[in-house]
Amino acid sequence: MTDHKTALSVLAELSPTTEDVMNESSSFSPRRWKTGWPHHLGHVPPYKDDAFASLTRGDVYQFAADATASGYTRDAVIDFIGAAFAFGAGKSPQTQLKLQQFLRNKGQAQQLIQALRSLDGLDPVAQYARVRATGLPGRYASILVYFLAGPQSGDQPGPVIVSDAAAEALGVSSSEWDAETYADYLAAVTAVRDEWDSSAPLDAVEYALSRS
């Protein structure tokens, strides 16, 4: 069962705003990503040759906007995947290696690119299911879907990033994170949002609970 009181207390304490969400940053190693990027993709995202750098959610949204504006050209989609994966993996070399290994499989990489090109017109759960079906771990499928959907407002449903901390606070757990579990997670985020502030974007709730 969702512990609404606990979740609501976190939201009341943090009072997350759209600005807070957009400015959330993640530190990573551009050099490590650049040197490990799969050659078969034929294009390396614009990682600088630096040991450390950071990306905000706003930065990743811009890469997503560039991909959609380009008509999902291959290089623009690859740049977006690179930014989203770097943001999501942060400083974890194990996670970075796992994502690079996923992309080194030519079939999986192509399926992922095709899936991202086919999300328009689908609801958030269907979008997640399509990307998750490529074999990408649930958290990273949710990250790609979340950013491609664009910045959120409170008057429309939208995808949210899968966060273990947020899921625990909401009473949702799974080792698989299939589409059904993601739907439960999204519904739980929405229910708490509506109780806290129905005009708030869903990702403000995810952001706050992921920091709890």
N, C-alpha and C. Protein backbone atom coordinates (compact mmCIF):
# COMPACT_ATOMS: atom_id res chain seq x y z
N MET A 1 0.84 -1.19 0.00
CA MET A 1 0.00 0.00 0.00
C MET A 1 0.88 1.25 0.00
N THR A 2 0.43 2.25 -0.71
CA THR A 2 1.16 3.50 -0.76
C THR A 2 1.02 4.23 0.58
N ASP A 3 2.12 4.67 1.13
CA ASP A 3 2.10 5.44 2.37
C ASP A 3 1.98 6.91 1.99
N HIS A 4 0.75 7.35 1.78
CA HIS A 4 0.52 8.71 1.33
C HIS A 4 1.03 9.74 2.34
N LYS A 5 0.88 9.43 3.63
CA LYS A 5 1.29 10.40 4.64
C LYS A 5 2.79 10.67 4.55
N THR A 6 3.58 9.61 4.40
CA THR A 6 5.02 9.78 4.29
C THR A 6 5.38 10.54 3.02
N ALA A 7 4.81 10.14 1.90
CA ALA A 7 5.10 10.80 0.63
C ALA A 7 4.67 12.26 0.67
N LEU A 8 3.52 12.52 1.24
CA LEU A 8 3.02 13.89 1.32
C LEU A 8 3.89 14.76 2.22
N SER A 9 4.43 14.16 3.27
CA SER A 9 5.31 14.93 4.16
C SER A 9 6.60 15.32 3.44
N VAL A 10 7.10 14.43 2.60
CA VAL A 10 8.30 14.74 1.81
C VAL A 10 8.00 15.88 0.84
N LEU A 11 6.87 15.81 0.17
CA LEU A 11 6.49 16.84 -0.78
C LEU A 11 6.29 18.18 -0.08
N ALA A 12 5.66 18.14 1.08
CA ALA A 12 5.44 19.38 1.83
C ALA A 12 6.76 19.99 2.28
N GLU A 13 7.71 19.13 2.66
CA GLU A 13 9.00 19.62 3.14
C GLU A 13 9.84 20.20 2.01
N LEU A 14 9.89 19.51 0.88
CA LEU A 14 10.75 19.94 -0.23
C LEU A 14 10.09 20.96 -1.14
N SER A 15 8.77 20.92 -1.24
CA SER A 15 8.02 21.82 -2.14
C SER A 15 8.70 21.92 -3.50
N PRO A 16 8.85 20.80 -4.20
CA PRO A 16 9.60 20.80 -5.47
C PRO A 16 8.92 21.67 -6.53
N THR A 17 9.73 22.42 -7.25
CA THR A 17 9.24 23.27 -8.33
C THR A 17 9.76 22.76 -9.67
N THR A 18 9.19 23.26 -10.75
CA THR A 18 9.67 22.91 -12.08
C THR A 18 11.13 23.30 -12.24
N GLU A 19 11.52 24.42 -11.66
CA GLU A 19 12.91 24.86 -11.74
C GLU A 19 13.83 23.87 -11.03
N ASP A 20 13.40 23.37 -9.88
CA ASP A 20 14.19 22.36 -9.16
C ASP A 20 14.43 21.14 -10.03
N VAL A 21 13.37 20.69 -10.69
CA VAL A 21 13.45 19.50 -11.54
C VAL A 21 14.41 19.75 -12.70
N MET A 22 14.23 20.86 -13.39
CA MET A 22 15.05 21.15 -14.57
C MET A 22 16.53 21.31 -14.23
N ASN A 23 16.81 21.79 -13.02
CA ASN A 23 18.19 22.06 -12.64
C ASN A 23 18.88 20.88 -11.95
N GLU A 24 18.15 19.78 -11.75
CA GLU A 24 18.81 18.62 -11.15
C GLU A 24 19.97 18.20 -12.04
N SER A 25 21.14 18.02 -11.45
CA SER A 25 22.32 17.70 -12.25
C SER A 25 22.89 16.34 -11.89
N SER A 26 23.63 15.80 -12.82
CA SER A 26 24.28 14.51 -12.64
C SER A 26 25.71 14.63 -13.13
N SER A 27 26.68 14.24 -12.30
CA SER A 27 28.09 14.28 -12.68
C SER A 27 28.49 12.96 -13.31
N PHE A 28 29.35 13.03 -14.32
CA PHE A 28 29.78 11.83 -15.03
C PHE A 28 31.15 12.07 -15.65
N SER A 29 31.70 11.04 -16.26
CA SER A 29 33.01 11.13 -16.92
C SER A 29 32.84 11.10 -18.43
N PRO A 30 32.89 12.25 -19.11
CA PRO A 30 32.78 12.25 -20.58
C PRO A 30 33.86 11.41 -21.25
N ARG A 31 35.05 11.45 -20.70
CA ARG A 31 36.16 10.70 -21.31
C ARG A 31 35.87 9.20 -21.31
N ARG A 32 35.35 8.71 -20.20
CA ARG A 32 35.07 7.28 -20.10
C ARG A 32 33.97 6.86 -21.08
N TRP A 33 32.93 7.72 -21.20
CA TRP A 33 31.86 7.42 -22.15
C TRP A 33 32.39 7.47 -23.59
N LYS A 34 33.20 8.46 -23.89
CA LYS A 34 33.70 8.64 -25.25
C LYS A 34 34.57 7.46 -25.69
N THR A 35 35.47 7.04 -24.80
CA THR A 35 36.38 5.95 -25.18
C THR A 35 35.66 4.61 -25.25
N GLY A 36 34.54 4.46 -24.54
CA GLY A 36 33.83 3.18 -24.55
C GLY A 36 32.63 3.14 -25.47
N TRP A 37 32.41 4.21 -26.25
CA TRP A 37 31.23 4.24 -27.10
C TRP A 37 31.37 3.24 -28.24
N PRO A 38 30.32 2.46 -28.55
CA PRO A 38 30.41 1.42 -29.58
C PRO A 38 30.72 2.00 -30.97
N HIS A 39 31.74 1.47 -31.61
CA HIS A 39 32.15 1.98 -32.92
C HIS A 39 31.10 1.74 -34.00
N HIS A 40 30.34 0.66 -33.88
CA HIS A 40 29.42 0.31 -34.95
C HIS A 40 28.29 1.33 -35.12
N LEU A 41 28.08 2.17 -34.11
CA LEU A 41 27.03 3.19 -34.24
C LEU A 41 27.43 4.31 -35.20
N GLY A 42 28.73 4.41 -35.46
CA GLY A 42 29.19 5.35 -36.48
C GLY A 42 29.15 6.81 -36.07
N HIS A 43 28.78 7.09 -34.85
CA HIS A 43 28.70 8.47 -34.38
C HIS A 43 28.84 8.47 -32.87
N VAL A 44 29.71 9.32 -32.37
CA VAL A 44 29.92 9.44 -30.93
C VAL A 44 29.21 10.70 -30.44
N PRO A 45 28.40 10.60 -29.40
CA PRO A 45 27.78 11.81 -28.86
C PRO A 45 28.84 12.85 -28.51
N PRO A 46 28.46 14.10 -28.39
CA PRO A 46 29.46 15.18 -28.19
C PRO A 46 30.05 15.19 -26.79
N TYR A 47 30.65 14.06 -26.41
CA TYR A 47 31.35 14.01 -25.14
C TYR A 47 32.71 14.70 -25.30
N LYS A 48 33.03 15.61 -24.40
CA LYS A 48 34.33 16.24 -24.43
C LYS A 48 35.37 15.29 -23.83
N ASP A 49 36.62 15.59 -24.07
CA ASP A 49 37.68 14.74 -23.53
C ASP A 49 38.05 15.22 -22.13
N ASP A 50 37.04 15.23 -21.26
CA ASP A 50 37.22 15.70 -19.89
C ASP A 50 37.02 14.54 -18.92
N ALA A 51 37.69 14.63 -17.78
CA ALA A 51 37.54 13.59 -16.77
C ALA A 51 36.19 13.69 -16.08
N PHE A 52 35.71 14.92 -15.87
CA PHE A 52 34.44 15.11 -15.17
C PHE A 52 33.64 16.23 -15.82
N ALA A 53 32.32 16.08 -15.80
CA ALA A 53 31.41 17.10 -16.29
C ALA A 53 30.05 16.83 -15.65
N SER A 54 29.09 17.68 -15.93
CA SER A 54 27.75 17.47 -15.39
C SER A 54 26.70 17.84 -16.42
N LEU A 55 25.55 17.22 -16.30
CA LEU A 55 24.39 17.50 -17.14
C LEU A 55 23.20 17.75 -16.23
N THR A 56 22.35 18.69 -16.60
CA THR A 56 21.09 18.88 -15.89
C THR A 56 19.97 18.22 -16.69
N ARG A 57 18.81 18.06 -16.04
CA ARG A 57 17.66 17.56 -16.79
C ARG A 57 17.35 18.50 -17.96
N GLY A 58 17.50 19.79 -17.72
CA GLY A 58 17.26 20.75 -18.80
C GLY A 58 18.17 20.52 -20.00
N ASP A 59 19.42 20.17 -19.74
CA ASP A 59 20.36 19.87 -20.82
C ASP A 59 19.89 18.66 -21.63
N VAL A 60 19.47 17.63 -20.93
CA VAL A 60 19.04 16.41 -21.62
C VAL A 60 17.76 16.67 -22.42
N TYR A 61 16.87 17.48 -21.86
CA TYR A 61 15.66 17.87 -22.60
C TYR A 61 16.03 18.53 -23.93
N GLN A 62 17.10 19.32 -23.93
CA GLN A 62 17.51 19.98 -25.16
C GLN A 62 17.97 18.97 -26.21
N PHE A 63 18.71 17.96 -25.79
CA PHE A 63 19.10 16.90 -26.72
C PHE A 63 17.87 16.18 -27.26
N ALA A 64 16.88 15.96 -26.40
CA ALA A 64 15.64 15.32 -26.84
C ALA A 64 14.91 16.19 -27.86
N ALA A 65 14.87 17.50 -27.58
CA ALA A 65 14.20 18.42 -28.50
C ALA A 65 14.92 18.46 -29.85
N ASP A 66 16.24 18.39 -29.83
CA ASP A 66 17.02 18.37 -31.08
C ASP A 66 16.71 17.10 -31.88
N ALA A 67 16.54 15.98 -31.17
CA ALA A 67 16.23 14.71 -31.86
C ALA A 67 14.87 14.79 -32.54
N THR A 68 13.88 15.29 -31.82
CA THR A 68 12.54 15.36 -32.41
C THR A 68 12.50 16.38 -33.54
N ALA A 69 13.17 17.52 -33.36
CA ALA A 69 13.17 18.57 -34.39
C ALA A 69 13.85 18.09 -35.67
N SER A 70 14.80 17.17 -35.52
CA SER A 70 15.53 16.67 -36.69
C SER A 70 14.75 15.60 -37.45
N GLY A 71 13.59 15.20 -36.90
CA GLY A 71 12.88 14.09 -37.51
C GLY A 71 13.48 12.75 -37.12
N TYR A 72 14.14 12.73 -35.98
CA TYR A 72 14.78 11.52 -35.46
C TYR A 72 15.86 10.98 -36.39
N THR A 73 16.71 11.90 -36.88
CA THR A 73 17.86 11.43 -37.64
C THR A 73 18.75 10.61 -36.72
N ARG A 74 19.48 9.68 -37.31
CA ARG A 74 20.26 8.73 -36.52
C ARG A 74 21.24 9.42 -35.57
N ASP A 75 22.00 10.39 -36.08
CA ASP A 75 23.01 11.04 -35.25
C ASP A 75 22.37 11.80 -34.10
N ALA A 76 21.24 12.47 -34.36
CA ALA A 76 20.57 13.23 -33.30
C ALA A 76 20.00 12.30 -32.23
N VAL A 77 19.49 11.15 -32.64
CA VAL A 77 18.98 10.18 -31.68
C VAL A 77 20.13 9.61 -30.84
N ILE A 78 21.26 9.33 -31.48
CA ILE A 78 22.42 8.83 -30.76
C ILE A 78 22.93 9.86 -29.76
N ASP A 79 22.95 11.14 -30.16
CA ASP A 79 23.37 12.19 -29.23
C ASP A 79 22.44 12.23 -28.01
N PHE A 80 21.14 12.08 -28.26
CA PHE A 80 20.18 12.08 -27.17
C PHE A 80 20.39 10.88 -26.25
N ILE A 81 20.55 9.69 -26.84
CA ILE A 81 20.78 8.49 -26.03
C ILE A 81 22.03 8.68 -25.17
N GLY A 82 23.08 9.24 -25.78
CA GLY A 82 24.32 9.47 -25.04
C GLY A 82 24.12 10.39 -23.85
N ALA A 83 23.39 11.48 -24.05
CA ALA A 83 23.15 12.43 -22.96
C ALA A 83 22.27 11.81 -21.87
N ALA A 84 21.21 11.11 -22.29
CA ALA A 84 20.29 10.51 -21.32
C ALA A 84 20.97 9.42 -20.50
N PHE A 85 21.77 8.60 -21.16
CA PHE A 85 22.48 7.53 -20.44
C PHE A 85 23.52 8.11 -19.49
N ALA A 86 24.23 9.16 -19.92
CA ALA A 86 25.23 9.77 -19.04
C ALA A 86 24.57 10.38 -17.82
N PHE A 87 23.43 11.04 -18.02
CA PHE A 87 22.69 11.62 -16.90
C PHE A 87 22.22 10.52 -15.94
N GLY A 88 21.68 9.45 -16.49
CA GLY A 88 21.13 8.39 -15.66
C GLY A 88 22.17 7.59 -14.93
N ALA A 89 23.29 7.32 -15.57
CA ALA A 89 24.33 6.49 -14.95
C ALA A 89 25.16 7.26 -13.95
N GLY A 90 25.32 8.56 -14.18
CA GLY A 90 26.11 9.37 -13.26
C GLY A 90 27.53 8.86 -13.12
N LYS A 91 27.97 8.72 -11.88
CA LYS A 91 29.35 8.32 -11.61
C LYS A 91 29.54 6.81 -11.48
N SER A 92 28.49 6.03 -11.79
CA SER A 92 28.59 4.58 -11.61
C SER A 92 29.24 3.92 -12.84
N PRO A 93 30.51 3.50 -12.74
CA PRO A 93 31.15 2.85 -13.89
C PRO A 93 30.49 1.52 -14.25
N GLN A 94 29.93 0.84 -13.24
CA GLN A 94 29.28 -0.44 -13.52
C GLN A 94 28.03 -0.23 -14.39
N THR A 95 27.26 0.80 -14.07
CA THR A 95 26.07 1.09 -14.85
C THR A 95 26.45 1.55 -16.25
N GLN A 96 27.45 2.39 -16.33
CA GLN A 96 27.92 2.86 -17.64
C GLN A 96 28.33 1.68 -18.51
N LEU A 97 29.10 0.76 -17.95
CA LEU A 97 29.56 -0.41 -18.70
C LEU A 97 28.38 -1.25 -19.17
N LYS A 98 27.39 -1.40 -18.31
CA LYS A 98 26.20 -2.19 -18.66
C LYS A 98 25.46 -1.56 -19.84
N LEU A 99 25.34 -0.26 -19.84
CA LEU A 99 24.65 0.43 -20.93
C LEU A 99 25.46 0.39 -22.22
N GLN A 100 26.77 0.53 -22.11
CA GLN A 100 27.63 0.42 -23.29
C GLN A 100 27.57 -0.98 -23.88
N GLN A 101 27.54 -1.98 -23.03
CA GLN A 101 27.43 -3.36 -23.51
C GLN A 101 26.11 -3.58 -24.23
N PHE A 102 25.05 -2.98 -23.71
CA PHE A 102 23.75 -3.07 -24.38
C PHE A 102 23.86 -2.50 -25.79
N LEU A 103 24.48 -1.35 -25.94
CA LEU A 103 24.59 -0.70 -27.25
C LEU A 103 25.57 -1.40 -28.19
N ARG A 104 26.50 -2.16 -27.62
CA ARG A 104 27.45 -2.89 -28.48
C ARG A 104 26.79 -4.03 -29.24
N ASN A 105 25.64 -4.47 -28.77
CA ASN A 105 24.86 -5.46 -29.50
C ASN A 105 24.14 -4.73 -30.63
N LYS A 106 24.57 -4.97 -31.87
CA LYS A 106 24.05 -4.20 -33.00
C LYS A 106 22.53 -4.31 -33.13
N GLY A 107 22.01 -5.51 -32.89
CA GLY A 107 20.57 -5.71 -33.00
C GLY A 107 19.81 -4.91 -31.97
N GLN A 108 20.29 -4.95 -30.72
CA GLN A 108 19.63 -4.20 -29.66
C GLN A 108 19.71 -2.70 -29.90
N ALA A 109 20.87 -2.23 -30.33
CA ALA A 109 21.02 -0.79 -30.58
C ALA A 109 20.07 -0.32 -31.67
N GLN A 110 19.95 -1.09 -32.74
CA GLN A 110 19.06 -0.69 -33.82
C GLN A 110 17.59 -0.76 -33.38
N GLN A 111 17.24 -1.77 -32.62
CA GLN A 111 15.87 -1.86 -32.10
C GLN A 111 15.54 -0.66 -31.21
N LEU A 112 16.51 -0.23 -30.42
CA LEU A 112 16.29 0.91 -29.53
C LEU A 112 16.06 2.18 -30.35
N ILE A 113 16.89 2.41 -31.34
CA ILE A 113 16.73 3.60 -32.18
C ILE A 113 15.37 3.58 -32.87
N GLN A 114 14.99 2.43 -33.40
CA GLN A 114 13.68 2.31 -34.06
C GLN A 114 12.54 2.53 -33.08
N ALA A 115 12.68 2.01 -31.86
CA ALA A 115 11.63 2.18 -30.85
C ALA A 115 11.44 3.65 -30.52
N LEU A 116 12.54 4.38 -30.36
CA LEU A 116 12.44 5.81 -30.02
C LEU A 116 11.79 6.61 -31.15
N ARG A 117 11.94 6.13 -32.37
CA ARG A 117 11.33 6.82 -33.52
C ARG A 117 9.85 6.53 -33.65
N SER A 118 9.33 5.61 -32.85
CA SER A 118 7.94 5.15 -33.04
C SER A 118 7.04 5.44 -31.85
N LEU A 119 7.41 6.38 -31.01
CA LEU A 119 6.67 6.62 -29.78
C LEU A 119 5.54 7.63 -29.92
N ASP A 120 5.59 8.45 -30.96
CA ASP A 120 4.56 9.50 -31.11
C ASP A 120 3.17 8.88 -31.15
N GLY A 121 2.26 9.48 -30.40
CA GLY A 121 0.87 9.03 -30.41
C GLY A 121 0.55 7.96 -29.39
N LEU A 122 1.56 7.42 -28.72
CA LEU A 122 1.33 6.39 -27.70
C LEU A 122 1.22 7.03 -26.32
N ASP A 123 0.47 6.38 -25.43
CA ASP A 123 0.41 6.90 -24.06
C ASP A 123 1.70 6.50 -23.33
N PRO A 124 1.97 7.12 -22.17
CA PRO A 124 3.25 6.86 -21.49
C PRO A 124 3.55 5.40 -21.21
N VAL A 125 2.56 4.63 -20.81
CA VAL A 125 2.81 3.21 -20.50
C VAL A 125 3.15 2.44 -21.78
N ALA A 126 2.44 2.73 -22.87
CA ALA A 126 2.74 2.07 -24.14
C ALA A 126 4.12 2.47 -24.65
N GLN A 127 4.50 3.73 -24.45
CA GLN A 127 5.84 4.17 -24.84
C GLN A 127 6.90 3.41 -24.06
N TYR A 128 6.69 3.32 -22.76
CA TYR A 128 7.63 2.59 -21.90
C TYR A 128 7.73 1.14 -22.33
N ALA A 129 6.58 0.51 -22.58
CA ALA A 129 6.57 -0.90 -22.97
C ALA A 129 7.36 -1.12 -24.26
N ARG A 130 7.23 -0.20 -25.20
CA ARG A 130 7.94 -0.36 -26.48
C ARG A 130 9.45 -0.26 -26.31
N VAL A 131 9.90 0.67 -25.48
CA VAL A 131 11.34 0.82 -25.27
C VAL A 131 11.86 -0.32 -24.38
N ARG A 132 11.09 -0.69 -23.38
CA ARG A 132 11.50 -1.78 -22.48
C ARG A 132 11.61 -3.09 -23.23
N ALA A 133 10.81 -3.27 -24.28
CA ALA A 133 10.82 -4.52 -25.06
C ALA A 133 12.14 -4.73 -25.80
N THR A 134 12.95 -3.70 -25.92
CA THR A 134 14.26 -3.86 -26.57
C THR A 134 15.25 -4.57 -25.65
N GLY A 135 14.88 -4.74 -24.38
CA GLY A 135 15.78 -5.36 -23.42
C GLY A 135 16.50 -4.36 -22.54
N LEU A 136 16.27 -3.07 -22.78
CA LEU A 136 16.90 -2.04 -21.95
C LEU A 136 16.32 -2.10 -20.54
N PRO A 137 17.16 -2.03 -19.50
CA PRO A 137 16.65 -2.06 -18.13
C PRO A 137 15.59 -0.99 -17.89
N GLY A 138 14.65 -1.29 -17.00
CA GLY A 138 13.49 -0.44 -16.81
C GLY A 138 13.80 1.01 -16.50
N ARG A 139 14.75 1.26 -15.62
CA ARG A 139 15.06 2.65 -15.27
C ARG A 139 15.48 3.45 -16.51
N TYR A 140 16.27 2.83 -17.37
CA TYR A 140 16.80 3.57 -18.52
C TYR A 140 15.79 3.67 -19.65
N ALA A 141 14.90 2.70 -19.74
CA ALA A 141 13.77 2.83 -20.66
C ALA A 141 12.91 4.02 -20.23
N SER A 142 12.69 4.15 -18.93
CA SER A 142 11.87 5.26 -18.43
C SER A 142 12.55 6.60 -18.63
N ILE A 143 13.86 6.64 -18.51
CA ILE A 143 14.60 7.89 -18.71
C ILE A 143 14.46 8.37 -20.15
N LEU A 144 14.61 7.47 -21.12
CA LEU A 144 14.49 7.86 -22.52
C LEU A 144 13.09 8.35 -22.84
N VAL A 145 12.09 7.62 -22.38
CA VAL A 145 10.69 8.00 -22.63
C VAL A 145 10.37 9.34 -21.96
N TYR A 146 10.85 9.50 -20.74
CA TYR A 146 10.59 10.72 -19.98
C TYR A 146 11.11 11.95 -20.72
N PHE A 147 12.35 11.91 -21.14
CA PHE A 147 12.93 13.10 -21.77
C PHE A 147 12.35 13.37 -23.16
N LEU A 148 12.07 12.32 -23.91
CA LEU A 148 11.49 12.54 -25.25
C LEU A 148 10.10 13.17 -25.18
N ALA A 149 9.40 12.96 -24.07
CA ALA A 149 8.05 13.52 -23.93
C ALA A 149 8.09 15.03 -23.74
N GLY A 150 9.25 15.57 -23.38
CA GLY A 150 9.37 17.01 -23.21
C GLY A 150 9.00 17.48 -21.82
N PRO A 151 9.35 18.73 -21.48
CA PRO A 151 9.05 19.28 -20.15
C PRO A 151 7.57 19.16 -19.81
N GLN A 152 7.30 18.90 -18.54
CA GLN A 152 5.94 18.57 -18.12
C GLN A 152 5.21 19.76 -17.52
N SER A 153 3.89 19.69 -17.62
CA SER A 153 3.01 20.63 -16.92
C SER A 153 1.99 19.79 -16.16
N GLY A 154 1.26 20.43 -15.27
CA GLY A 154 0.35 19.68 -14.44
C GLY A 154 -0.96 19.30 -15.09
N ASP A 155 -1.21 19.82 -16.28
CA ASP A 155 -2.52 19.59 -16.90
C ASP A 155 -2.54 18.45 -17.89
N GLN A 156 -1.47 17.65 -17.94
CA GLN A 156 -1.46 16.52 -18.86
C GLN A 156 -0.65 15.37 -18.27
N PRO A 157 -1.04 14.13 -18.58
CA PRO A 157 -0.28 12.98 -18.07
C PRO A 157 1.07 12.90 -18.77
N GLY A 158 2.03 12.38 -18.09
CA GLY A 158 3.35 12.24 -18.69
C GLY A 158 4.11 11.12 -18.04
N PRO A 159 5.15 10.63 -18.69
CA PRO A 159 5.97 9.57 -18.10
C PRO A 159 6.85 10.13 -16.99
N VAL A 160 7.32 9.28 -16.12
CA VAL A 160 8.25 9.69 -15.07
C VAL A 160 9.40 8.68 -15.02
N ILE A 161 10.50 9.12 -14.47
CA ILE A 161 11.67 8.26 -14.35
C ILE A 161 11.46 7.26 -13.21
N VAL A 162 11.81 6.02 -13.44
CA VAL A 162 11.76 5.00 -12.40
C VAL A 162 12.89 5.26 -11.41
N SER A 163 12.51 5.44 -10.17
CA SER A 163 13.47 5.66 -9.08
C SER A 163 13.17 4.65 -7.98
N ASP A 164 14.18 3.92 -7.54
CA ASP A 164 13.98 2.93 -6.47
C ASP A 164 13.48 3.61 -5.20
N ALA A 165 14.04 4.78 -4.88
CA ALA A 165 13.62 5.47 -3.66
C ALA A 165 12.17 5.93 -3.76
N ALA A 166 11.80 6.48 -4.92
CA ALA A 166 10.42 6.93 -5.11
C ALA A 166 9.47 5.74 -5.09
N ALA A 167 9.87 4.66 -5.75
CA ALA A 167 9.02 3.47 -5.77
C ALA A 167 8.80 2.92 -4.38
N GLU A 168 9.85 2.90 -3.58
CA GLU A 168 9.73 2.41 -2.20
C GLU A 168 8.79 3.31 -1.40
N ALA A 169 8.92 4.62 -1.56
CA ALA A 169 8.06 5.56 -0.84
C ALA A 169 6.60 5.39 -1.25
N LEU A 170 6.38 4.92 -2.47
CA LEU A 170 5.02 4.77 -3.00
C LEU A 170 4.47 3.35 -2.82
N GLY A 171 5.30 2.45 -2.30
CA GLY A 171 4.83 1.09 -2.09
C GLY A 171 4.78 0.26 -3.35
N VAL A 172 5.59 0.62 -4.34
CA VAL A 172 5.65 -0.13 -5.60
C VAL A 172 7.04 -0.75 -5.71
N SER A 173 7.11 -2.04 -5.96
CA SER A 173 8.43 -2.67 -6.09
C SER A 173 8.36 -3.80 -7.11
N SER A 174 9.47 -4.00 -7.79
CA SER A 174 9.57 -5.08 -8.78
C SER A 174 11.01 -5.28 -9.16
N SER A 175 11.36 -6.52 -9.45
CA SER A 175 12.70 -6.80 -9.95
C SER A 175 12.74 -6.72 -11.47
N GLU A 176 11.57 -6.74 -12.10
CA GLU A 176 11.50 -6.78 -13.56
C GLU A 176 11.17 -5.43 -14.18
N TRP A 177 10.35 -4.65 -13.50
CA TRP A 177 9.88 -3.37 -14.03
C TRP A 177 9.30 -3.52 -15.44
N ASP A 178 8.30 -4.40 -15.55
CA ASP A 178 7.59 -4.55 -16.81
C ASP A 178 6.59 -3.41 -16.94
N ALA A 179 5.85 -3.41 -18.04
CA ALA A 179 4.92 -2.32 -18.31
C ALA A 179 3.83 -2.24 -17.26
N GLU A 180 3.39 -3.39 -16.75
CA GLU A 180 2.34 -3.39 -15.73
C GLU A 180 2.81 -2.71 -14.45
N THR A 181 4.05 -3.03 -14.03
CA THR A 181 4.59 -2.40 -12.82
C THR A 181 4.81 -0.92 -13.04
N TYR A 182 5.26 -0.55 -14.23
CA TYR A 182 5.45 0.87 -14.54
C TYR A 182 4.12 1.60 -14.48
N ALA A 183 3.05 0.96 -14.97
CA ALA A 183 1.72 1.57 -14.90
C ALA A 183 1.30 1.79 -13.45
N ASP A 184 1.60 0.80 -12.59
CA ASP A 184 1.28 0.94 -11.16
C ASP A 184 2.07 2.10 -10.55
N TYR A 185 3.32 2.21 -10.92
CA TYR A 185 4.20 3.28 -10.42
C TYR A 185 3.66 4.65 -10.85
N LEU A 186 3.31 4.75 -12.13
CA LEU A 186 2.79 6.01 -12.66
C LEU A 186 1.48 6.38 -11.98
N ALA A 187 0.63 5.39 -11.74
CA ALA A 187 -0.64 5.64 -11.06
C ALA A 187 -0.41 6.10 -9.62
N ALA A 188 0.58 5.51 -8.95
CA ALA A 188 0.88 5.89 -7.57
C ALA A 188 1.44 7.31 -7.49
N VAL A 189 2.32 7.65 -8.44
CA VAL A 189 2.84 9.02 -8.50
C VAL A 189 1.69 10.00 -8.72
N THR A 190 0.79 9.65 -9.63
CA THR A 190 -0.34 10.53 -9.95
C THR A 190 -1.26 10.72 -8.75
N ALA A 191 -1.54 9.63 -8.03
CA ALA A 191 -2.43 9.71 -6.88
C ALA A 191 -1.87 10.62 -5.79
N VAL A 192 -0.58 10.49 -5.51
CA VAL A 192 0.05 11.33 -4.49
C VAL A 192 0.11 12.78 -4.97
N ARG A 193 0.42 12.97 -6.26
CA ARG A 193 0.44 14.32 -6.81
C ARG A 193 -0.92 14.99 -6.64
N ASP A 194 -2.00 14.27 -6.97
CA ASP A 194 -3.34 14.84 -6.89
C ASP A 194 -3.70 15.22 -5.46
N GLU A 195 -3.21 14.43 -4.52
CA GLU A 195 -3.50 14.72 -3.12
C GLU A 195 -2.68 15.90 -2.60
N TRP A 196 -1.48 16.03 -3.14
CA TRP A 196 -0.58 17.12 -2.72
C TRP A 196 -0.92 18.43 -3.43
N ASP A 197 -0.89 18.39 -4.78
CA ASP A 197 -1.16 19.59 -5.59
C ASP A 197 -1.47 19.14 -7.01
N SER A 198 -2.75 19.12 -7.34
CA SER A 198 -3.16 18.57 -8.64
C SER A 198 -2.65 19.40 -9.82
N SER A 199 -2.15 20.60 -9.56
CA SER A 199 -1.64 21.43 -10.65
C SER A 199 -0.15 21.20 -10.90
N ALA A 200 0.50 20.39 -10.07
CA ALA A 200 1.94 20.15 -10.18
C ALA A 200 2.24 19.11 -11.25
N PRO A 201 3.36 19.23 -11.93
CA PRO A 201 3.76 18.18 -12.88
C PRO A 201 4.14 16.91 -12.13
N LEU A 202 3.93 15.77 -12.78
CA LEU A 202 4.23 14.50 -12.13
C LEU A 202 5.70 14.35 -11.77
N ASP A 203 6.58 14.89 -12.61
CA ASP A 203 7.99 14.68 -12.34
C ASP A 203 8.48 15.43 -11.11
N ALA A 204 7.70 16.43 -10.65
CA ALA A 204 8.07 17.09 -9.41
C ALA A 204 7.94 16.13 -8.23
N VAL A 205 6.92 15.27 -8.30
CA VAL A 205 6.73 14.25 -7.26
C VAL A 205 7.84 13.22 -7.31
N GLU A 206 8.12 12.72 -8.50
CA GLU A 206 9.22 11.74 -8.67
C GLU A 206 10.54 12.31 -8.19
N TYR A 207 10.82 13.55 -8.57
CA TYR A 207 12.07 14.22 -8.17
C TYR A 207 12.18 14.29 -6.65
N ALA A 208 11.12 14.73 -5.99
CA ALA A 208 11.18 14.88 -4.54
C ALA A 208 11.31 13.54 -3.84
N LEU A 209 10.51 12.55 -4.25
CA LEU A 209 10.55 11.25 -3.58
C LEU A 209 11.85 10.50 -3.86
N SER A 210 12.47 10.77 -5.00
CA SER A 210 13.74 10.10 -5.30
C SER A 210 14.86 10.64 -4.44
N ARG A 211 14.64 11.78 -3.80
CA ARG A 211 15.65 12.39 -2.92
C ARG A 211 15.36 12.10 -1.44
N SER A 212 14.27 11.36 -1.21
CA SER A 212 13.88 11.10 0.18
C SER A 212 14.66 9.96 0.79
